Amino acid sequence: MHELSIANSVVELCAERAMGARVLRVTLEIGRLSAVMPDAIRFCFDVCAKDTVVEGAALEIVETPGLARCLDCGGSVDMTDLLEHCACGSVNLELLAGSELKIKQMEVV
């Protein structure tokens, strides 16, 4: 379960950037193709935040859809998994979105 490690890193980064202030809200952006399970992150976040300035913070997760560009025909491909192909039949795709995992915003007091 790599989500525990990810959640721990998010908590550590937020605590460091908060510089002693209490963190009220953290917004994460997680791509649907990132192989990260949002529900597991939610669970692990609370566990990792215990006894830190992040404890009790609301966690908002924004899931971004997968999107690719076909390198053969230039078409746009909505990606639900990494095995998608273009309407033209090509699998020669450049992933444009959906693999993100980033801290989008943090609210402190």
N, C-alpha and C. Protein backbone atom coordinates (compact mmCIF):
# COMPACT_ATOMS: atom_id res chain seq x y z
N MET A 1 0.85 -1.18 0.00
CA MET A 1 0.00 0.00 0.00
C MET A 1 0.89 1.24 0.00
N HIS A 2 1.19 1.75 -1.18
CA HIS A 2 2.05 2.93 -1.27
C HIS A 2 1.33 4.21 -0.87
N GLU A 3 0.01 4.14 -0.71
CA GLU A 3 -0.76 5.31 -0.30
C GLU A 3 -0.35 5.79 1.09
N LEU A 4 0.05 4.88 1.97
CA LEU A 4 0.50 5.27 3.30
C LEU A 4 1.74 6.15 3.21
N SER A 5 2.67 5.76 2.37
CA SER A 5 3.89 6.54 2.16
C SER A 5 3.57 7.90 1.54
N ILE A 6 2.65 7.90 0.59
CA ILE A 6 2.25 9.16 -0.07
C ILE A 6 1.58 10.08 0.93
N ALA A 7 0.64 9.55 1.70
CA ALA A 7 -0.06 10.37 2.70
C ALA A 7 0.92 10.92 3.73
N ASN A 8 1.87 10.10 4.15
CA ASN A 8 2.87 10.56 5.11
C ASN A 8 3.70 11.70 4.52
N SER A 9 4.08 11.59 3.26
CA SER A 9 4.84 12.66 2.60
C SER A 9 4.02 13.94 2.50
N VAL A 10 2.74 13.82 2.19
CA VAL A 10 1.86 14.99 2.09
C VAL A 10 1.78 15.68 3.45
N VAL A 11 1.57 14.90 4.51
CA VAL A 11 1.48 15.47 5.86
C VAL A 11 2.79 16.15 6.24
N GLU A 12 3.91 15.50 5.98
CA GLU A 12 5.21 16.08 6.31
C GLU A 12 5.44 17.39 5.57
N LEU A 13 5.13 17.41 4.28
CA LEU A 13 5.31 18.64 3.49
C LEU A 13 4.41 19.77 3.98
N CYS A 14 3.16 19.44 4.28
CA CYS A 14 2.23 20.46 4.76
C CYS A 14 2.66 20.99 6.12
N ALA A 15 3.07 20.11 7.01
CA ALA A 15 3.52 20.53 8.34
C ALA A 15 4.74 21.43 8.23
N GLU A 16 5.66 21.07 7.35
CA GLU A 16 6.87 21.87 7.15
C GLU A 16 6.53 23.26 6.61
N ARG A 17 5.67 23.32 5.61
CA ARG A 17 5.30 24.59 5.00
C ARG A 17 4.42 25.45 5.91
N ALA A 18 3.70 24.83 6.84
CA ALA A 18 2.82 25.57 7.74
C ALA A 18 3.62 26.34 8.78
N MET A 19 4.86 25.96 9.00
CA MET A 19 5.77 26.64 9.95
C MET A 19 5.11 26.88 11.30
N GLY A 20 4.51 25.82 11.85
CA GLY A 20 3.91 25.91 13.17
C GLY A 20 2.45 26.29 13.20
N ALA A 21 1.93 26.83 12.11
CA ALA A 21 0.52 27.20 12.04
C ALA A 21 -0.32 25.93 11.92
N ARG A 22 -1.55 26.02 12.35
CA ARG A 22 -2.46 24.88 12.26
C ARG A 22 -3.01 24.78 10.83
N VAL A 23 -2.98 23.60 10.26
CA VAL A 23 -3.50 23.37 8.91
C VAL A 23 -4.98 23.00 9.01
N LEU A 24 -5.81 23.75 8.29
CA LEU A 24 -7.25 23.52 8.31
C LEU A 24 -7.73 22.66 7.15
N ARG A 25 -7.10 22.82 6.00
CA ARG A 25 -7.57 22.11 4.80
C ARG A 25 -6.38 21.86 3.87
N VAL A 26 -6.40 20.68 3.26
CA VAL A 26 -5.41 20.32 2.24
C VAL A 26 -6.18 19.83 1.02
N THR A 27 -5.83 20.37 -0.13
CA THR A 27 -6.45 19.93 -1.38
C THR A 27 -5.40 19.21 -2.21
N LEU A 28 -5.69 17.96 -2.54
CA LEU A 28 -4.80 17.17 -3.39
C LEU A 28 -5.42 17.00 -4.76
N GLU A 29 -4.59 17.00 -5.77
CA GLU A 29 -5.02 16.68 -7.13
C GLU A 29 -4.43 15.32 -7.47
N ILE A 30 -5.30 14.37 -7.74
CA ILE A 30 -4.86 13.01 -8.05
C ILE A 30 -5.43 12.60 -9.40
N GLY A 31 -4.55 12.27 -10.31
CA GLY A 31 -4.97 11.82 -11.63
C GLY A 31 -5.53 10.40 -11.58
N ARG A 32 -6.54 10.15 -12.38
CA ARG A 32 -7.17 8.83 -12.40
C ARG A 32 -6.25 7.74 -12.93
N LEU A 33 -5.18 8.13 -13.60
CA LEU A 33 -4.23 7.16 -14.14
C LEU A 33 -2.98 7.04 -13.28
N SER A 34 -2.99 7.64 -12.10
CA SER A 34 -1.80 7.70 -11.25
C SER A 34 -1.58 6.43 -10.42
N ALA A 35 -2.50 5.51 -10.41
CA ALA A 35 -2.42 4.28 -9.61
C ALA A 35 -2.45 4.58 -8.11
N VAL A 36 -3.06 5.72 -7.75
CA VAL A 36 -3.23 6.08 -6.35
C VAL A 36 -4.72 6.03 -6.05
N MET A 37 -5.08 5.34 -4.99
CA MET A 37 -6.49 5.18 -4.62
C MET A 37 -6.90 6.29 -3.65
N PRO A 38 -7.79 7.20 -4.09
CA PRO A 38 -8.20 8.31 -3.23
C PRO A 38 -8.75 7.88 -1.87
N ASP A 39 -9.54 6.82 -1.80
CA ASP A 39 -10.08 6.37 -0.52
C ASP A 39 -8.98 5.92 0.43
N ALA A 40 -7.97 5.28 -0.09
CA ALA A 40 -6.84 4.85 0.75
C ALA A 40 -6.06 6.07 1.24
N ILE A 41 -5.90 7.08 0.38
CA ILE A 41 -5.23 8.31 0.79
C ILE A 41 -6.01 8.98 1.92
N ARG A 42 -7.34 9.03 1.80
CA ARG A 42 -8.18 9.64 2.85
C ARG A 42 -7.96 8.95 4.19
N PHE A 43 -7.97 7.63 4.17
CA PHE A 43 -7.78 6.87 5.40
C PHE A 43 -6.39 7.11 5.98
N CYS A 44 -5.39 6.99 5.15
CA CYS A 44 -4.00 7.13 5.60
C CYS A 44 -3.67 8.56 6.04
N PHE A 45 -4.29 9.54 5.42
CA PHE A 45 -4.04 10.94 5.76
C PHE A 45 -4.34 11.19 7.23
N ASP A 46 -5.49 10.74 7.70
CA ASP A 46 -5.87 10.96 9.10
C ASP A 46 -4.91 10.26 10.05
N VAL A 47 -4.48 9.07 9.69
CA VAL A 47 -3.55 8.32 10.52
C VAL A 47 -2.20 9.04 10.59
N CYS A 48 -1.70 9.49 9.46
CA CYS A 48 -0.41 10.16 9.40
C CYS A 48 -0.42 11.54 10.05
N ALA A 49 -1.58 12.20 10.03
CA ALA A 49 -1.68 13.56 10.56
C ALA A 49 -1.76 13.60 12.08
N LYS A 50 -2.03 12.47 12.70
CA LYS A 50 -2.19 12.43 14.16
C LYS A 50 -0.96 13.01 14.85
N ASP A 51 -1.22 13.88 15.83
CA ASP A 51 -0.18 14.53 16.64
C ASP A 51 0.72 15.46 15.84
N THR A 52 0.21 16.01 14.73
CA THR A 52 0.93 17.03 13.96
C THR A 52 0.03 18.25 13.81
N VAL A 53 0.56 19.33 13.24
CA VAL A 53 -0.26 20.53 12.99
C VAL A 53 -1.29 20.28 11.91
N VAL A 54 -1.23 19.14 11.27
CA VAL A 54 -2.17 18.78 10.21
C VAL A 54 -3.36 17.99 10.77
N GLU A 55 -3.25 17.52 12.01
CA GLU A 55 -4.33 16.72 12.60
C GLU A 55 -5.65 17.49 12.57
N GLY A 56 -6.70 16.83 12.11
CA GLY A 56 -8.03 17.44 12.03
C GLY A 56 -8.29 18.22 10.76
N ALA A 57 -7.28 18.37 9.93
CA ALA A 57 -7.46 19.12 8.67
C ALA A 57 -8.39 18.36 7.74
N ALA A 58 -9.22 19.11 7.04
CA ALA A 58 -10.08 18.52 6.01
C ALA A 58 -9.23 18.20 4.79
N LEU A 59 -9.46 17.05 4.23
CA LEU A 59 -8.74 16.64 3.01
C LEU A 59 -9.72 16.64 1.86
N GLU A 60 -9.41 17.45 0.87
CA GLU A 60 -10.22 17.49 -0.35
C GLU A 60 -9.38 16.87 -1.47
N ILE A 61 -9.98 15.95 -2.19
CA ILE A 61 -9.28 15.31 -3.30
C ILE A 61 -10.02 15.61 -4.59
N VAL A 62 -9.29 16.18 -5.53
CA VAL A 62 -9.82 16.48 -6.86
C VAL A 62 -9.21 15.45 -7.81
N GLU A 63 -10.06 14.63 -8.41
CA GLU A 63 -9.59 13.62 -9.35
C GLU A 63 -9.59 14.20 -10.76
N THR A 64 -8.45 14.12 -11.43
CA THR A 64 -8.36 14.63 -12.79
C THR A 64 -8.47 13.48 -13.78
N PRO A 65 -9.23 13.67 -14.85
CA PRO A 65 -9.40 12.61 -15.84
C PRO A 65 -8.14 12.43 -16.69
N GLY A 66 -8.04 11.26 -17.29
CA GLY A 66 -6.93 10.98 -18.18
C GLY A 66 -7.19 11.56 -19.57
N LEU A 67 -6.15 12.11 -20.17
CA LEU A 67 -6.25 12.68 -21.51
C LEU A 67 -4.93 12.46 -22.23
N ALA A 68 -5.02 12.07 -23.49
CA ALA A 68 -3.82 11.85 -24.30
C ALA A 68 -4.03 12.43 -25.69
N ARG A 69 -2.91 12.60 -26.39
CA ARG A 69 -2.93 13.05 -27.78
C ARG A 69 -2.32 11.94 -28.62
N CYS A 70 -3.01 11.62 -29.71
CA CYS A 70 -2.51 10.59 -30.61
C CYS A 70 -1.35 11.18 -31.42
N LEU A 71 -0.22 10.51 -31.39
CA LEU A 71 0.95 10.99 -32.11
C LEU A 71 0.90 10.64 -33.60
N ASP A 72 -0.08 9.82 -34.00
CA ASP A 72 -0.22 9.47 -35.40
C ASP A 72 -1.20 10.39 -36.12
N CYS A 73 -2.37 10.63 -35.51
CA CYS A 73 -3.38 11.45 -36.20
C CYS A 73 -3.63 12.81 -35.53
N GLY A 74 -3.07 13.00 -34.33
CA GLY A 74 -3.26 14.26 -33.62
C GLY A 74 -4.56 14.34 -32.83
N GLY A 75 -5.34 13.28 -32.82
CA GLY A 75 -6.62 13.27 -32.12
C GLY A 75 -6.46 13.27 -30.61
N SER A 76 -7.53 13.67 -29.95
CA SER A 76 -7.58 13.69 -28.49
C SER A 76 -8.24 12.40 -28.01
N VAL A 77 -7.67 11.80 -26.97
CA VAL A 77 -8.16 10.52 -26.46
C VAL A 77 -8.44 10.65 -24.97
N ASP A 78 -9.71 10.43 -24.57
CA ASP A 78 -10.05 10.36 -23.16
C ASP A 78 -9.56 9.03 -22.63
N MET A 79 -8.81 9.07 -21.55
CA MET A 79 -8.19 7.86 -21.02
C MET A 79 -8.88 7.43 -19.72
N THR A 80 -9.38 6.20 -19.69
CA THR A 80 -9.90 5.64 -18.45
C THR A 80 -8.91 4.67 -17.84
N ASP A 81 -7.98 4.18 -18.66
CA ASP A 81 -6.87 3.37 -18.18
C ASP A 81 -5.72 3.51 -19.18
N LEU A 82 -4.60 2.94 -18.85
CA LEU A 82 -3.40 3.11 -19.68
C LEU A 82 -3.39 2.21 -20.92
N LEU A 83 -4.46 1.44 -21.13
CA LEU A 83 -4.53 0.56 -22.29
C LEU A 83 -5.43 1.10 -23.39
N GLU A 84 -5.82 2.36 -23.28
CA GLU A 84 -6.69 2.98 -24.29
C GLU A 84 -5.97 3.10 -25.63
N HIS A 85 -6.75 3.28 -26.67
CA HIS A 85 -6.20 3.53 -27.99
C HIS A 85 -7.04 4.62 -28.66
N CYS A 86 -6.50 5.22 -29.66
CA CYS A 86 -7.17 6.29 -30.40
C CYS A 86 -8.25 5.69 -31.30
N ALA A 87 -9.20 6.53 -31.68
CA ALA A 87 -10.25 6.10 -32.61
C ALA A 87 -9.65 5.64 -33.94
N CYS A 88 -8.46 6.14 -34.28
CA CYS A 88 -7.80 5.73 -35.53
C CYS A 88 -7.14 4.36 -35.39
N GLY A 89 -7.14 3.81 -34.16
CA GLY A 89 -6.56 2.50 -33.92
C GLY A 89 -5.16 2.54 -33.33
N SER A 90 -4.54 3.70 -33.31
CA SER A 90 -3.17 3.83 -32.83
C SER A 90 -3.09 3.75 -31.30
N VAL A 91 -2.01 3.16 -30.84
CA VAL A 91 -1.70 3.16 -29.41
C VAL A 91 -0.50 4.07 -29.12
N ASN A 92 -0.09 4.81 -30.13
CA ASN A 92 1.04 5.73 -30.03
C ASN A 92 0.52 7.04 -29.43
N LEU A 93 0.38 7.07 -28.10
CA LEU A 93 -0.26 8.18 -27.42
C LEU A 93 0.71 8.91 -26.50
N GLU A 94 0.53 10.21 -26.42
CA GLU A 94 1.28 11.04 -25.48
C GLU A 94 0.32 11.43 -24.35
N LEU A 95 0.61 10.99 -23.14
CA LEU A 95 -0.24 11.29 -21.99
C LEU A 95 -0.12 12.77 -21.64
N LEU A 96 -1.26 13.46 -21.58
CA LEU A 96 -1.27 14.89 -21.28
C LEU A 96 -1.77 15.17 -19.86
N ALA A 97 -2.66 14.36 -19.36
CA ALA A 97 -3.22 14.57 -18.02
C ALA A 97 -3.71 13.24 -17.46
N GLY A 98 -3.77 13.19 -16.15
CA GLY A 98 -4.30 12.01 -15.49
C GLY A 98 -3.31 11.27 -14.62
N SER A 99 -2.04 11.63 -14.70
CA SER A 99 -1.04 10.96 -13.86
C SER A 99 -0.56 11.85 -12.71
N GLU A 100 -1.23 12.99 -12.51
CA GLU A 100 -0.80 13.95 -11.51
C GLU A 100 -1.01 13.44 -10.09
N LEU A 101 -0.17 13.90 -9.22
CA LEU A 101 -0.34 13.75 -7.78
C LEU A 101 0.36 14.94 -7.16
N LYS A 102 -0.43 15.94 -6.78
CA LYS A 102 0.19 17.14 -6.22
C LYS A 102 -0.68 17.79 -5.17
N ILE A 103 -0.01 18.51 -4.28
CA ILE A 103 -0.70 19.31 -3.29
C ILE A 103 -1.10 20.60 -4.00
N LYS A 104 -2.38 20.77 -4.20
CA LYS A 104 -2.90 21.91 -4.95
C LYS A 104 -3.03 23.14 -4.07
N GLN A 105 -3.44 22.93 -2.81
CA GLN A 105 -3.71 24.06 -1.93
C GLN A 105 -3.65 23.60 -0.47
N MET A 106 -3.31 24.55 0.40
CA MET A 106 -3.30 24.28 1.83
C MET A 106 -3.80 25.54 2.55
N GLU A 107 -4.71 25.36 3.47
CA GLU A 107 -5.26 26.49 4.23
C GLU A 107 -4.79 26.38 5.67
N VAL A 108 -4.21 27.45 6.20
CA VAL A 108 -3.68 27.46 7.56
C VAL A 108 -4.25 28.64 8.35
N VAL A 109 -4.16 28.55 9.69
CA VAL A 109 -4.53 29.67 10.57
C VAL A 109 -3.40 29.94 11.53
